[in-house]
């Protein structure tokens, strides 16, 4: 929704992912509806797109332990 209220029926999930080049540093205050935040590891985000959904997996740099993964359905 334009006011930041989540809409589980018609809303979309947004991935904001930036771990390249600049040094890691803490975040400011979280934005409404933020699900996961981390500043301890560089890595890559693997997105697997399917006909009716998607999967994601954060793969951290070697030696780091932060991980996140999940899936969602398209509507």
PDB file of N, CA and C in Angstrom:
ATOM      1  N   UNK A   1       0.838  -1.172   0.000  1.00  0.00           N
ATOM      2  CA  UNK A   1       0.000   0.000   0.000  1.00  0.00           C
ATOM      3  C   UNK A   1       0.892   1.248   0.000  1.00  0.00           C
ATOM      4  N   UNK A   2       0.444   2.331  -0.556  1.00  0.00           N
ATOM      5  CA  UNK A   2       1.242   3.557  -0.604  1.00  0.00           C
ATOM      6  C   UNK A   2       1.652   4.078   0.770  1.00  0.00           C
ATOM      7  N   UNK A   3       0.861   3.776   1.795  1.00  0.00           N
ATOM      8  CA  UNK A   3       1.197   4.267   3.136  1.00  0.00           C
ATOM      9  C   UNK A   3       2.144   3.331   3.886  1.00  0.00           C
ATOM     10  N   UNK A   4       2.603   2.263   3.248  1.00  0.00           N
ATOM     11  CA  UNK A   4       3.529   1.331   3.874  1.00  0.00           C
ATOM     12  C   UNK A   4       2.864   0.159   4.562  1.00  0.00           C
ATOM     13  N   UNK A   5       1.553   0.095   4.562  1.00  0.00           N
ATOM     14  CA  UNK A   5       0.838  -1.028   5.149  1.00  0.00           C
ATOM     15  C   UNK A   5       0.983  -2.246   4.248  1.00  0.00           C
ATOM     16  N   UNK A   6       1.370  -3.407   4.794  1.00  0.00           N
ATOM     17  CA  UNK A   6       1.507  -4.589   3.933  1.00  0.00           C
ATOM     18  C   UNK A   6       0.164  -5.040   3.365  1.00  0.00           C
ATOM     19  N   UNK A   7       0.200  -5.550   2.156  1.00  0.00           N
ATOM     20  CA  UNK A   7      -0.995  -6.068   1.488  1.00  0.00           C
ATOM     21  C   UNK A   7      -0.682  -7.489   1.048  1.00  0.00           C
ATOM     22  N   UNK A   8      -1.093  -8.481   1.839  1.00  0.00           N
ATOM     23  CA  UNK A   8      -0.746  -9.872   1.547  1.00  0.00           C
ATOM     24  C   UNK A   8      -1.503 -10.428   0.347  1.00  0.00           C
ATOM     25  N   UNK A   9      -2.519  -9.746  -0.127  1.00  0.00           N
ATOM     26  CA  UNK A   9      -3.290 -10.223  -1.272  1.00  0.00           C
ATOM     27  C   UNK A   9      -2.736  -9.680  -2.585  1.00  0.00           C
ATOM     28  N   UNK A  10      -2.446  -8.381  -2.645  1.00  0.00           N
ATOM     29  CA  UNK A  10      -2.026  -7.765  -3.907  1.00  0.00           C
ATOM     30  C   UNK A  10      -0.648  -7.117  -3.845  1.00  0.00           C
ATOM     31  N   UNK A  11      -0.033  -7.125  -2.676  1.00  0.00           N
ATOM     32  CA  UNK A  11       1.262  -6.466  -2.518  1.00  0.00           C
ATOM     33  C   UNK A  11       2.400  -7.261  -3.131  1.00  0.00           C
ATOM     34  N   UNK A  12       3.575  -6.648  -3.159  1.00  0.00           N
ATOM     35  CA  UNK A  12       4.764  -7.319  -3.687  1.00  0.00           C
ATOM     36  C   UNK A  12       5.854  -7.312  -2.625  1.00  0.00           C
ATOM     37  N   UNK A  13       6.731  -8.294  -2.688  1.00  0.00           N
ATOM     38  CA  UNK A  13       7.914  -8.333  -1.822  1.00  0.00           C
ATOM     39  C   UNK A  13       9.039  -7.654  -2.583  1.00  0.00           C
ATOM     40  N   UNK A  14       9.787  -6.833  -1.888  1.00  0.00           N
ATOM     41  CA  UNK A  14      10.918  -6.128  -2.504  1.00  0.00           C
ATOM     42  C   UNK A  14      12.200  -6.572  -1.825  1.00  0.00           C
ATOM     43  N   UNK A  15      13.199  -6.921  -2.633  1.00  0.00           N
ATOM     44  CA  UNK A  15      14.514  -7.262  -2.121  1.00  0.00           C
ATOM     45  C   UNK A  15      15.433  -6.077  -2.376  1.00  0.00           C
ATOM     46  N   UNK A  16      15.993  -5.532  -1.331  1.00  0.00           N
ATOM     47  CA  UNK A  16      17.018  -4.490  -1.464  1.00  0.00           C
ATOM     48  C   UNK A  16      18.301  -5.148  -0.994  1.00  0.00           C
ATOM     49  N   UNK A  17      19.220  -5.272  -1.910  1.00  0.00           N
ATOM     50  CA  UNK A  17      20.390  -6.099  -1.666  1.00  0.00           C
ATOM     51  C   UNK A  17      21.605  -5.361  -2.198  1.00  0.00           C
ATOM     52  N   UNK A  18      22.514  -5.001  -1.344  1.00  0.00           N
ATOM     53  CA  UNK A  18      23.714  -4.313  -1.788  1.00  0.00           C
ATOM     54  C   UNK A  18      24.886  -4.691  -0.924  1.00  0.00           C
ATOM     55  N   UNK A  19      25.718  -5.575  -1.413  1.00  0.00           N
ATOM     56  CA  UNK A  19      26.877  -5.990  -0.621  1.00  0.00           C
ATOM     57  C   UNK A  19      28.141  -5.959  -1.463  1.00  0.00           C
ATOM     58  N   UNK A  20      28.288  -4.969  -2.289  1.00  0.00           N
ATOM     59  CA  UNK A  20      29.470  -4.967  -3.137  1.00  0.00           C
ATOM     60  C   UNK A  20      30.290  -3.702  -3.018  1.00  0.00           C
ATOM     61  N   UNK A  21      31.559  -3.865  -2.692  1.00  0.00           N
ATOM     62  CA  UNK A  21      32.496  -2.764  -2.780  1.00  0.00           C
ATOM     63  C   UNK A  21      32.724  -1.970  -1.516  1.00  0.00           C
ATOM     64  N   UNK A  22      31.722  -1.375  -0.973  1.00  0.00           N
ATOM     65  CA  UNK A  22      31.861  -0.513   0.198  1.00  0.00           C
ATOM     66  C   UNK A  22      31.979  -1.359   1.460  1.00  0.00           C
ATOM     67  N   UNK A  23      32.604  -0.821   2.488  1.00  0.00           N
ATOM     68  CA  UNK A  23      32.716  -1.543   3.745  1.00  0.00           C
ATOM     69  C   UNK A  23      31.362  -1.753   4.407  1.00  0.00           C
ATOM     70  N   UNK A  24      31.249  -2.807   5.187  1.00  0.00           N
ATOM     71  CA  UNK A  24      30.012  -3.107   5.905  1.00  0.00           C
ATOM     72  C   UNK A  24      29.871  -2.141   7.071  1.00  0.00           C
ATOM     73  N   UNK A  25      28.647  -1.675   7.333  1.00  0.00           N
ATOM     74  CA  UNK A  25      28.399  -0.761   8.444  1.00  0.00           C
ATOM     75  C   UNK A  25      26.964  -0.935   8.935  1.00  0.00           C
ATOM     76  N   UNK A  26      26.701  -0.603  10.190  1.00  0.00           N
ATOM     77  CA  UNK A  26      25.352  -0.777  10.745  1.00  0.00           C
ATOM     78  C   UNK A  26      24.315   0.070  10.008  1.00  0.00           C
ATOM     79  N   UNK A  27      23.057  -0.374  10.103  1.00  0.00           N
ATOM     80  CA  UNK A  27      21.923   0.329   9.530  1.00  0.00           C
ATOM     81  C   UNK A  27      21.423   1.386  10.496  1.00  0.00           C
ATOM     82  N   UNK A  28      20.622   2.298   9.978  1.00  0.00           N
ATOM     83  CA  UNK A  28      19.839   3.188  10.820  1.00  0.00           C
ATOM     84  C   UNK A  28      18.587   2.444  11.262  1.00  0.00           C
ATOM     85  N   UNK A  29      17.585   3.190  11.657  1.00  0.00           N
ATOM     86  CA  UNK A  29      16.326   2.578  12.101  1.00  0.00           C
ATOM     87  C   UNK A  29      15.692   1.789  10.959  1.00  0.00           C
ATOM     88  N   UNK A  30      15.097   0.611  11.255  1.00  0.00           N
ATOM     89  CA  UNK A  30      14.471  -0.175  10.185  1.00  0.00           C
ATOM     90  C   UNK A  30      13.238   0.518   9.612  1.00  0.00           C
ATOM     91  N   UNK A  31      13.031   0.320   8.337  1.00  0.00           N
ATOM     92  CA  UNK A  31      11.838   0.838   7.671  1.00  0.00           C
ATOM     93  C   UNK A  31      10.656  -0.060   8.032  1.00  0.00           C
ATOM     94  N   UNK A  32       9.433   0.482   7.982  1.00  0.00           N
ATOM     95  CA  UNK A  32       8.259  -0.350   8.283  1.00  0.00           C
ATOM     96  C   UNK A  32       8.233  -1.598   7.398  1.00  0.00           C
ATOM     97  N   UNK A  33       7.886  -2.710   7.991  1.00  0.00           N
ATOM     98  CA  UNK A  33       7.718  -3.997   7.312  1.00  0.00           C
ATOM     99  C   UNK A  33       9.015  -4.639   6.851  1.00  0.00           C
ATOM    100  N   UNK A  34      10.165  -4.132   7.317  1.00  0.00           N
ATOM    101  CA  UNK A  34      11.425  -4.806   7.001  1.00  0.00           C
ATOM    102  C   UNK A  34      11.383  -6.209   7.592  1.00  0.00           C
ATOM    103  N   UNK A  35      11.855  -7.189   6.835  1.00  0.00           N
ATOM    104  CA  UNK A  35      11.822  -8.571   7.306  1.00  0.00           C
ATOM    105  C   UNK A  35      13.163  -9.022   7.851  1.00  0.00           C
ATOM    106  N   UNK A  36      14.245  -8.773   7.119  1.00  0.00           N
ATOM    107  CA  UNK A  36      15.567  -9.244   7.522  1.00  0.00           C
ATOM    108  C   UNK A  36      16.585  -8.178   7.164  1.00  0.00           C
ATOM    109  N   UNK A  37      17.530  -7.961   8.081  1.00  0.00           N
ATOM    110  CA  UNK A  37      18.621  -7.018   7.825  1.00  0.00           C
ATOM    111  C   UNK A  37      19.890  -7.586   8.438  1.00  0.00           C
ATOM    112  N   UNK A  38      21.009  -7.392   7.761  1.00  0.00           N
ATOM    113  CA  UNK A  38      22.281  -7.879   8.282  1.00  0.00           C
ATOM    114  C   UNK A  38      23.403  -7.022   7.727  1.00  0.00           C
ATOM    115  N   UNK A  39      24.413  -6.767   8.539  1.00  0.00           N
ATOM    116  CA  UNK A  39      25.572  -6.017   8.063  1.00  0.00           C
ATOM    117  C   UNK A  39      26.872  -6.707   8.454  1.00  0.00           C
ATOM    118  N   UNK A  40      26.821  -8.037   8.622  1.00  0.00           N
ATOM    119  CA  UNK A  40      28.008  -8.765   9.077  1.00  0.00           C
ATOM    120  C   UNK A  40      28.734  -9.530   7.975  1.00  0.00           C
ATOM    121  N   UNK A  41      28.155  -9.604   6.769  1.00  0.00           N
ATOM    122  CA  UNK A  41      28.784 -10.437   5.736  1.00  0.00           C
ATOM    123  C   UNK A  41      28.465  -9.924   4.340  1.00  0.00           C
ATOM    124  N   UNK A  42      29.463  -9.972   3.486  1.00  0.00           N
ATOM    125  CA  UNK A  42      29.215  -9.826   2.054  1.00  0.00           C
ATOM    126  C   UNK A  42      28.669 -11.157   1.557  1.00  0.00           C
ATOM    127  N   UNK A  43      28.072 -11.164   0.383  1.00  0.00           N
ATOM    128  CA  UNK A  43      27.573 -12.406  -0.171  1.00  0.00           C
ATOM    129  C   UNK A  43      26.807 -12.155  -1.452  1.00  0.00           C
ATOM    130  N   UNK A  44      26.096 -13.166  -1.887  1.00  0.00           N
ATOM    131  CA  UNK A  44      25.278 -13.060  -3.097  1.00  0.00           C
ATOM    132  C   UNK A  44      23.857 -13.507  -2.769  1.00  0.00           C
ATOM    133  N   UNK A  45      22.908 -13.006  -3.530  1.00  0.00           N
ATOM    134  CA  UNK A  45      21.517 -13.405  -3.379  1.00  0.00           C
ATOM    135  C   UNK A  45      21.134 -14.226  -4.594  1.00  0.00           C
ATOM    136  N   UNK A  46      20.760 -15.474  -4.349  1.00  0.00           N
ATOM    137  CA  UNK A  46      20.317 -16.356  -5.431  1.00  0.00           C
ATOM    138  C   UNK A  46      18.789 -16.297  -5.483  1.00  0.00           C
ATOM    139  N   UNK A  47      18.257 -15.877  -6.617  1.00  0.00           N
ATOM    140  CA  UNK A  47      16.811 -15.863  -6.849  1.00  0.00           C
ATOM    141  C   UNK A  47      16.489 -16.919  -7.890  1.00  0.00           C
ATOM    142  N   UNK A  48      15.538 -17.776  -7.574  1.00  0.00           N
ATOM    143  CA  UNK A  48      15.079 -18.789  -8.516  1.00  0.00           C
ATOM    144  C   UNK A  48      13.632 -18.468  -8.842  1.00  0.00           C
ATOM    145  N   UNK A  49      13.392 -18.084 -10.077  1.00  0.00           N
ATOM    146  CA  UNK A  49      12.046 -17.717 -10.504  1.00  0.00           C
ATOM    147  C   UNK A  49      11.340 -18.922 -11.093  1.00  0.00           C
ATOM    148  N   UNK A  50      10.090 -19.092 -10.702  1.00  0.00           N
ATOM    149  CA  UNK A  50       9.282 -20.216 -11.160  1.00  0.00           C
ATOM    150  C   UNK A  50       8.012 -19.684 -11.812  1.00  0.00           C
ATOM    151  N   UNK A  51       7.245 -20.549 -12.412  1.00  0.00           N
ATOM    152  CA  UNK A  51       6.016 -20.128 -13.094  1.00  0.00           C
ATOM    153  C   UNK A  51       5.041 -19.439 -12.144  1.00  0.00           C
ATOM    154  N   UNK A  52       4.953 -19.907 -10.904  1.00  0.00           N
ATOM    155  CA  UNK A  52       3.982 -19.350  -9.961  1.00  0.00           C
ATOM    156  C   UNK A  52       4.597 -18.894  -8.652  1.00  0.00           C
ATOM    157  N   UNK A  53       5.903 -18.686  -8.632  1.00  0.00           N
ATOM    158  CA  UNK A  53       6.534 -18.276  -7.385  1.00  0.00           C
ATOM    159  C   UNK A  53       8.022 -18.051  -7.537  1.00  0.00           C
ATOM    160  N   UNK A  54       8.697 -18.014  -6.414  1.00  0.00           N
ATOM    161  CA  UNK A  54      10.127 -17.744  -6.397  1.00  0.00           C
ATOM    162  C   UNK A  54      10.730 -18.273  -5.104  1.00  0.00           C
ATOM    163  N   UNK A  55      12.033 -18.539  -5.143  1.00  0.00           N
ATOM    164  CA  UNK A  55      12.817 -18.909  -3.969  1.00  0.00           C
ATOM    165  C   UNK A  55      13.981 -17.932  -3.886  1.00  0.00           C
ATOM    166  N   UNK A  56      14.427 -17.654  -2.660  1.00  0.00           N
ATOM    167  CA  UNK A  56      15.628 -16.855  -2.506  1.00  0.00           C
ATOM    168  C   UNK A  56      16.538 -17.491  -1.474  1.00  0.00           C
ATOM    169  N   UNK A  57      17.833 -17.230  -1.632  1.00  0.00           N
ATOM    170  CA  UNK A  57      18.829 -17.715  -0.679  1.00  0.00           C
ATOM    171  C   UNK A  57      19.990 -16.740  -0.661  1.00  0.00           C
ATOM    172  N   UNK A  58      20.312 -16.219   0.513  1.00  0.00           N
ATOM    173  CA  UNK A  58      21.515 -15.414   0.673  1.00  0.00           C
ATOM    174  C   UNK A  58      22.659 -16.359   0.965  1.00  0.00           C
ATOM    175  N   UNK A  59      23.731 -16.252   0.208  1.00  0.00           N
ATOM    176  CA  UNK A  59      24.902 -17.102   0.370  1.00  0.00           C
ATOM    177  C   UNK A  59      26.043 -16.193   0.823  1.00  0.00           C
ATOM    178  N   UNK A  60      26.472 -16.313   2.095  1.00  0.00           N
ATOM    179  CA  UNK A  60      27.503 -15.415   2.612  1.00  0.00           C
ATOM    180  C   UNK A  60      28.892 -15.774   2.112  1.00  0.00           C
ATOM    181  N   UNK A  61      29.774 -14.802   2.235  1.00  0.00           N
ATOM    182  CA  UNK A  61      31.170 -15.049   1.902  1.00  0.00           C
ATOM    183  C   UNK A  61      31.724 -16.151   2.814  1.00  0.00           C
ATOM    184  N   UNK A  62      32.773 -16.792   2.356  1.00  0.00           N
ATOM    185  CA  UNK A  62      33.377 -17.886   3.116  1.00  0.00           C
ATOM    186  C   UNK A  62      33.772 -17.420   4.514  1.00  0.00           C
ATOM    187  N   UNK A  63      33.430 -18.235   5.491  1.00  0.00           N
ATOM    188  CA  UNK A  63      33.782 -17.931   6.867  1.00  0.00           C
ATOM    189  C   UNK A  63      32.729 -17.146   7.635  1.00  0.00           C
ATOM    190  N   UNK A  64      31.672 -16.703   6.987  1.00  0.00           N
ATOM    191  CA  UNK A  64      30.598 -15.963   7.652  1.00  0.00           C
ATOM    192  C   UNK A  64      29.390 -16.865   7.828  1.00  0.00           C
ATOM    193  N   UNK A  65      28.571 -16.565   8.828  1.00  0.00           N
ATOM    194  CA  UNK A  65      27.475 -17.484   9.130  1.00  0.00           C
ATOM    195  C   UNK A  65      26.086 -16.936   8.848  1.00  0.00           C
ATOM    196  N   UNK A  66      25.941 -15.638   8.562  1.00  0.00           N
ATOM    197  CA  UNK A  66      24.592 -15.125   8.306  1.00  0.00           C
ATOM    198  C   UNK A  66      23.991 -15.831   7.097  1.00  0.00           C
ATOM    199  N   UNK A  67      22.747 -16.241   7.218  1.00  0.00           N
ATOM    200  CA  UNK A  67      22.056 -16.893   6.108  1.00  0.00           C
ATOM    201  C   UNK A  67      20.574 -16.513   6.153  1.00  0.00           C
ATOM    202  N   UNK A  68      19.954 -16.491   5.011  1.00  0.00           N
ATOM    203  CA  UNK A  68      18.515 -16.254   4.923  1.00  0.00           C
ATOM    204  C   UNK A  68      18.033 -16.927   3.655  1.00  0.00           C
ATOM    205  N   UNK A  69      16.846 -17.531   3.727  1.00  0.00           N
ATOM    206  CA  UNK A  69      16.273 -18.138   2.541  1.00  0.00           C
ATOM    207  C   UNK A  69      14.771 -18.239   2.734  1.00  0.00           C
ATOM    208  N   UNK A  70      14.077 -18.449   1.647  1.00  0.00           N
ATOM    209  CA  UNK A  70      12.638 -18.603   1.727  1.00  0.00           C
ATOM    210  C   UNK A  70      12.040 -18.717   0.349  1.00  0.00           C
ATOM    211  N   UNK A  71      10.725 -18.658   0.301  1.00  0.00           N
ATOM    212  CA  UNK A  71      10.020 -18.731  -0.972  1.00  0.00           C
ATOM    213  C   UNK A  71       8.729 -17.945  -0.861  1.00  0.00           C
ATOM    214  N   UNK A  72       8.172 -17.626  -2.012  1.00  0.00           N
ATOM    215  CA  UNK A  72       6.923 -16.895  -2.067  1.00  0.00           C
ATOM    216  C   UNK A  72       6.141 -17.291  -3.287  1.00  0.00           C
ATOM    217  N   UNK A  73       4.862 -16.993  -3.254  1.00  0.00           N
ATOM    218  CA  UNK A  73       3.987 -17.301  -4.386  1.00  0.00           C
ATOM    219  C   UNK A  73       3.659 -16.025  -5.144  1.00  0.00           C
ATOM    220  N   UNK A  74       3.520 -16.126  -6.428  1.00  0.00           N
ATOM    221  CA  UNK A  74       3.086 -14.995  -7.252  1.00  0.00           C
ATOM    222  C   UNK A  74       1.554 -14.958  -7.245  1.00  0.00           C
ATOM    223  N   UNK A  75       1.014 -13.771  -7.379  1.00  0.00           N
ATOM    224  CA  UNK A  75      -0.441 -13.647  -7.442  1.00  0.00           C
ATOM    225  C   UNK A  75      -0.834 -12.627  -8.493  1.00  0.00           C
TER     226      UNK A  75
END
